Amino acid sequence: MRAVAGAVLVGALIAIVIDGMLNGLSFAVMLRWAGAAVIGLLLLAMIGVAVHALRGAGSAQRRGERLAADDVGLMPRRPPDDD
């Protein structure tokens, strides 16, 4: 992720310089490209998380682990109430 983030940020910096040379450097130009870089980083992070989750699910399935059932969840099961 660091290498991808570095590449996106360097690309945004190059875009700021080129856009600034062509249209004049302003704060709005810098904000536009910085915003595009942040959105790009968020999208790449979401894709990375999804790929990592799919790989983990695939490897768990190959090991024969159950991935979905009544007793499989994000939170531990609560003991039944004794009412």
N, C-alpha and C. Protein backbone atom coordinates (compact mmCIF):
# COMPACT_ATOMS: atom_id res chain seq x y z
N MET A 1 0.82 -1.19 0.00
CA MET A 1 0.00 0.00 0.00
C MET A 1 0.87 1.25 0.00
N ARG A 2 2.02 1.18 0.64
CA ARG A 2 2.90 2.35 0.67
C ARG A 2 3.38 2.73 -0.72
N ALA A 3 3.75 1.73 -1.50
CA ALA A 3 4.23 2.01 -2.85
C ALA A 3 3.13 2.60 -3.71
N VAL A 4 1.93 2.07 -3.59
CA VAL A 4 0.79 2.59 -4.36
C VAL A 4 0.47 4.01 -3.89
N ALA A 5 0.48 4.24 -2.58
CA ALA A 5 0.20 5.57 -2.06
C ALA A 5 1.26 6.57 -2.53
N GLY A 6 2.50 6.15 -2.52
CA GLY A 6 3.56 7.02 -3.01
C GLY A 6 3.40 7.35 -4.48
N ALA A 7 3.02 6.36 -5.27
CA ALA A 7 2.82 6.60 -6.70
C ALA A 7 1.65 7.55 -6.94
N VAL A 8 0.56 7.38 -6.19
CA VAL A 8 -0.60 8.26 -6.35
C VAL A 8 -0.25 9.68 -5.94
N LEU A 9 0.48 9.84 -4.85
CA LEU A 9 0.84 11.17 -4.39
C LEU A 9 1.83 11.85 -5.32
N VAL A 10 2.77 11.10 -5.85
CA VAL A 10 3.70 11.67 -6.83
C VAL A 10 2.95 12.06 -8.09
N GLY A 11 2.01 11.23 -8.52
CA GLY A 11 1.19 11.57 -9.68
C GLY A 11 0.39 12.84 -9.45
N ALA A 12 -0.16 13.01 -8.24
CA ALA A 12 -0.91 14.22 -7.93
C ALA A 12 0.01 15.44 -7.93
N LEU A 13 1.21 15.28 -7.42
CA LEU A 13 2.16 16.40 -7.43
C LEU A 13 2.54 16.79 -8.85
N ILE A 14 2.77 15.80 -9.69
CA ILE A 14 3.09 16.09 -11.10
C ILE A 14 1.90 16.77 -11.78
N ALA A 15 0.70 16.30 -11.48
CA ALA A 15 -0.50 16.91 -12.06
C ALA A 15 -0.65 18.36 -11.59
N ILE A 16 -0.35 18.64 -10.33
CA ILE A 16 -0.41 20.01 -9.82
C ILE A 16 0.57 20.90 -10.56
N VAL A 17 1.78 20.41 -10.76
CA VAL A 17 2.80 21.20 -11.45
C VAL A 17 2.39 21.47 -12.89
N ILE A 18 1.94 20.44 -13.60
CA ILE A 18 1.56 20.61 -15.00
C ILE A 18 0.34 21.52 -15.13
N ASP A 19 -0.68 21.27 -14.31
CA ASP A 19 -1.87 22.12 -14.35
C ASP A 19 -1.53 23.55 -13.96
N GLY A 20 -0.64 23.72 -13.01
CA GLY A 20 -0.22 25.05 -12.61
C GLY A 20 0.54 25.77 -13.70
N MET A 21 1.35 25.05 -14.46
CA MET A 21 2.09 25.68 -15.57
C MET A 21 1.15 26.07 -16.71
N LEU A 22 0.14 25.25 -16.95
CA LEU A 22 -0.76 25.51 -18.07
C LEU A 22 -1.82 26.57 -17.74
N ASN A 23 -2.40 26.49 -16.55
CA ASN A 23 -3.53 27.36 -16.21
C ASN A 23 -3.23 28.35 -15.08
N GLY A 24 -2.04 28.33 -14.57
CA GLY A 24 -1.70 29.19 -13.44
C GLY A 24 -1.95 28.47 -12.13
N LEU A 25 -0.96 28.51 -11.27
CA LEU A 25 -1.06 27.80 -10.00
C LEU A 25 -1.92 28.59 -9.03
N SER A 26 -2.89 27.92 -8.48
CA SER A 26 -3.75 28.55 -7.47
C SER A 26 -4.06 27.52 -6.39
N PHE A 27 -4.63 28.02 -5.32
CA PHE A 27 -4.99 27.13 -4.23
C PHE A 27 -6.07 26.15 -4.67
N ALA A 28 -6.97 26.59 -5.53
CA ALA A 28 -8.04 25.71 -6.02
C ALA A 28 -7.47 24.56 -6.83
N VAL A 29 -6.45 24.82 -7.63
CA VAL A 29 -5.81 23.75 -8.43
C VAL A 29 -5.18 22.72 -7.50
N MET A 30 -4.50 23.20 -6.47
CA MET A 30 -3.85 22.28 -5.54
C MET A 30 -4.89 21.45 -4.77
N LEU A 31 -5.98 22.11 -4.37
CA LEU A 31 -7.03 21.38 -3.65
C LEU A 31 -7.70 20.34 -4.53
N ARG A 32 -7.92 20.69 -5.79
CA ARG A 32 -8.57 19.75 -6.71
C ARG A 32 -7.73 18.48 -6.86
N TRP A 33 -6.44 18.62 -7.09
CA TRP A 33 -5.59 17.45 -7.28
C TRP A 33 -5.33 16.70 -5.97
N ALA A 34 -5.27 17.43 -4.87
CA ALA A 34 -5.13 16.76 -3.57
C ALA A 34 -6.39 15.94 -3.26
N GLY A 35 -7.54 16.49 -3.57
CA GLY A 35 -8.78 15.76 -3.37
C GLY A 35 -8.86 14.52 -4.25
N ALA A 36 -8.41 14.67 -5.50
CA ALA A 36 -8.39 13.51 -6.40
C ALA A 36 -7.45 12.44 -5.87
N ALA A 37 -6.33 12.86 -5.28
CA ALA A 37 -5.38 11.89 -4.72
C ALA A 37 -5.99 11.17 -3.52
N VAL A 38 -6.69 11.89 -2.66
CA VAL A 38 -7.32 11.28 -1.49
C VAL A 38 -8.39 10.29 -1.92
N ILE A 39 -9.22 10.68 -2.89
CA ILE A 39 -10.25 9.77 -3.39
C ILE A 39 -9.62 8.53 -4.01
N GLY A 40 -8.55 8.72 -4.77
CA GLY A 40 -7.85 7.58 -5.37
C GLY A 40 -7.27 6.65 -4.32
N LEU A 41 -6.70 7.22 -3.26
CA LEU A 41 -6.15 6.38 -2.19
C LEU A 41 -7.25 5.60 -1.48
N LEU A 42 -8.39 6.24 -1.25
CA LEU A 42 -9.50 5.53 -0.61
C LEU A 42 -10.00 4.39 -1.48
N LEU A 43 -10.15 4.65 -2.76
CA LEU A 43 -10.59 3.58 -3.67
C LEU A 43 -9.60 2.43 -3.71
N LEU A 44 -8.32 2.75 -3.78
CA LEU A 44 -7.30 1.69 -3.81
C LEU A 44 -7.27 0.91 -2.50
N ALA A 45 -7.49 1.60 -1.38
CA ALA A 45 -7.53 0.91 -0.09
C ALA A 45 -8.73 -0.03 -0.02
N MET A 46 -9.88 0.42 -0.52
CA MET A 46 -11.06 -0.45 -0.53
C MET A 46 -10.84 -1.68 -1.40
N ILE A 47 -10.22 -1.50 -2.54
CA ILE A 47 -9.93 -2.64 -3.43
C ILE A 47 -8.96 -3.59 -2.75
N GLY A 48 -7.95 -3.04 -2.07
CA GLY A 48 -6.98 -3.88 -1.37
C GLY A 48 -7.62 -4.70 -0.25
N VAL A 49 -8.51 -4.10 0.50
CA VAL A 49 -9.21 -4.82 1.58
C VAL A 49 -10.08 -5.92 0.99
N ALA A 50 -10.78 -5.62 -0.10
CA ALA A 50 -11.65 -6.63 -0.71
C ALA A 50 -10.84 -7.81 -1.24
N VAL A 51 -9.72 -7.54 -1.89
CA VAL A 51 -8.88 -8.62 -2.40
C VAL A 51 -8.32 -9.46 -1.26
N HIS A 52 -7.90 -8.79 -0.19
CA HIS A 52 -7.37 -9.51 0.97
C HIS A 52 -8.44 -10.40 1.60
N ALA A 53 -9.67 -9.89 1.71
CA ALA A 53 -10.76 -10.68 2.29
C ALA A 53 -11.10 -11.88 1.41
N LEU A 54 -11.12 -11.68 0.10
CA LEU A 54 -11.41 -12.80 -0.80
C LEU A 54 -10.33 -13.87 -0.74
N ARG A 55 -9.08 -13.45 -0.65
CA ARG A 55 -7.99 -14.44 -0.52
C ARG A 55 -8.11 -15.20 0.79
N GLY A 56 -8.43 -14.50 1.87
CA GLY A 56 -8.59 -15.16 3.15
C GLY A 56 -9.75 -16.14 3.14
N ALA A 57 -10.84 -15.76 2.53
CA ALA A 57 -11.99 -16.67 2.44
C ALA A 57 -11.65 -17.88 1.59
N GLY A 58 -10.91 -17.67 0.52
CA GLY A 58 -10.52 -18.79 -0.34
C GLY A 58 -9.60 -19.76 0.36
N SER A 59 -8.64 -19.23 1.11
CA SER A 59 -7.72 -20.12 1.81
C SER A 59 -8.43 -20.85 2.95
N ALA A 60 -9.36 -20.19 3.64
CA ALA A 60 -10.12 -20.87 4.69
C ALA A 60 -10.99 -21.97 4.10
N GLN A 61 -11.55 -21.71 2.95
CA GLN A 61 -12.39 -22.73 2.31
C GLN A 61 -11.54 -23.93 1.87
N ARG A 62 -10.35 -23.68 1.38
CA ARG A 62 -9.47 -24.79 0.98
C ARG A 62 -9.05 -25.63 2.18
N ARG A 63 -8.93 -25.00 3.36
CA ARG A 63 -8.60 -25.75 4.58
C ARG A 63 -9.80 -26.50 5.13
N GLY A 64 -10.98 -26.24 4.59
CA GLY A 64 -12.17 -26.94 5.04
C GLY A 64 -12.88 -26.27 6.19
N GLU A 65 -12.54 -25.03 6.47
CA GLU A 65 -13.21 -24.33 7.56
C GLU A 65 -14.57 -23.82 7.09
N ARG A 66 -15.51 -23.77 8.02
CA ARG A 66 -16.83 -23.24 7.69
C ARG A 66 -16.78 -21.73 7.70
N LEU A 67 -17.38 -21.14 6.71
CA LEU A 67 -17.36 -19.69 6.61
C LEU A 67 -18.71 -19.06 6.96
N ALA A 68 -19.77 -19.83 6.92
CA ALA A 68 -21.09 -19.29 7.23
C ALA A 68 -21.95 -20.39 7.84
N ALA A 69 -22.45 -20.12 9.01
CA ALA A 69 -23.38 -21.02 9.68
C ALA A 69 -24.04 -20.24 10.80
N ASP A 70 -24.94 -20.88 11.53
CA ASP A 70 -25.63 -20.19 12.61
C ASP A 70 -24.66 -19.80 13.74
N ASP A 71 -23.62 -20.59 13.93
CA ASP A 71 -22.70 -20.32 15.03
C ASP A 71 -21.47 -19.53 14.61
N VAL A 72 -21.40 -19.06 13.37
CA VAL A 72 -20.27 -18.28 12.89
C VAL A 72 -20.72 -16.84 12.76
N GLY A 73 -20.01 -15.91 13.39
CA GLY A 73 -20.39 -14.51 13.32
C GLY A 73 -19.26 -13.61 13.76
N LEU A 74 -19.49 -12.32 13.71
CA LEU A 74 -18.48 -11.35 14.11
C LEU A 74 -18.37 -11.22 15.62
N MET A 75 -19.49 -11.40 16.30
CA MET A 75 -19.52 -11.27 17.75
C MET A 75 -19.67 -12.64 18.39
N PRO A 76 -19.10 -12.85 19.58
CA PRO A 76 -19.28 -14.13 20.26
C PRO A 76 -20.75 -14.34 20.63
N ARG A 77 -21.15 -15.58 20.68
CA ARG A 77 -22.55 -15.89 21.02
C ARG A 77 -22.81 -15.53 22.47
N ARG A 78 -23.97 -15.00 22.71
CA ARG A 78 -24.38 -14.66 24.06
C ARG A 78 -25.04 -15.86 24.70
N PRO A 79 -24.79 -16.07 25.98
CA PRO A 79 -25.48 -17.18 26.64
C PRO A 79 -26.96 -16.91 26.71
N PRO A 80 -27.78 -17.95 26.67
CA PRO A 80 -29.24 -17.74 26.71
C PRO A 80 -29.65 -17.13 28.05
N ASP A 81 -30.68 -16.32 28.00
CA ASP A 81 -31.22 -15.72 29.23
C ASP A 81 -31.94 -16.78 30.05
N ASP A 82 -31.79 -16.70 31.36
CA ASP A 82 -32.43 -17.67 32.26
C ASP A 82 -33.74 -17.14 32.82
N ASP A 83 -34.51 -16.47 32.03
CA ASP A 83 -35.79 -15.90 32.50
C ASP A 83 -36.85 -16.91 32.63
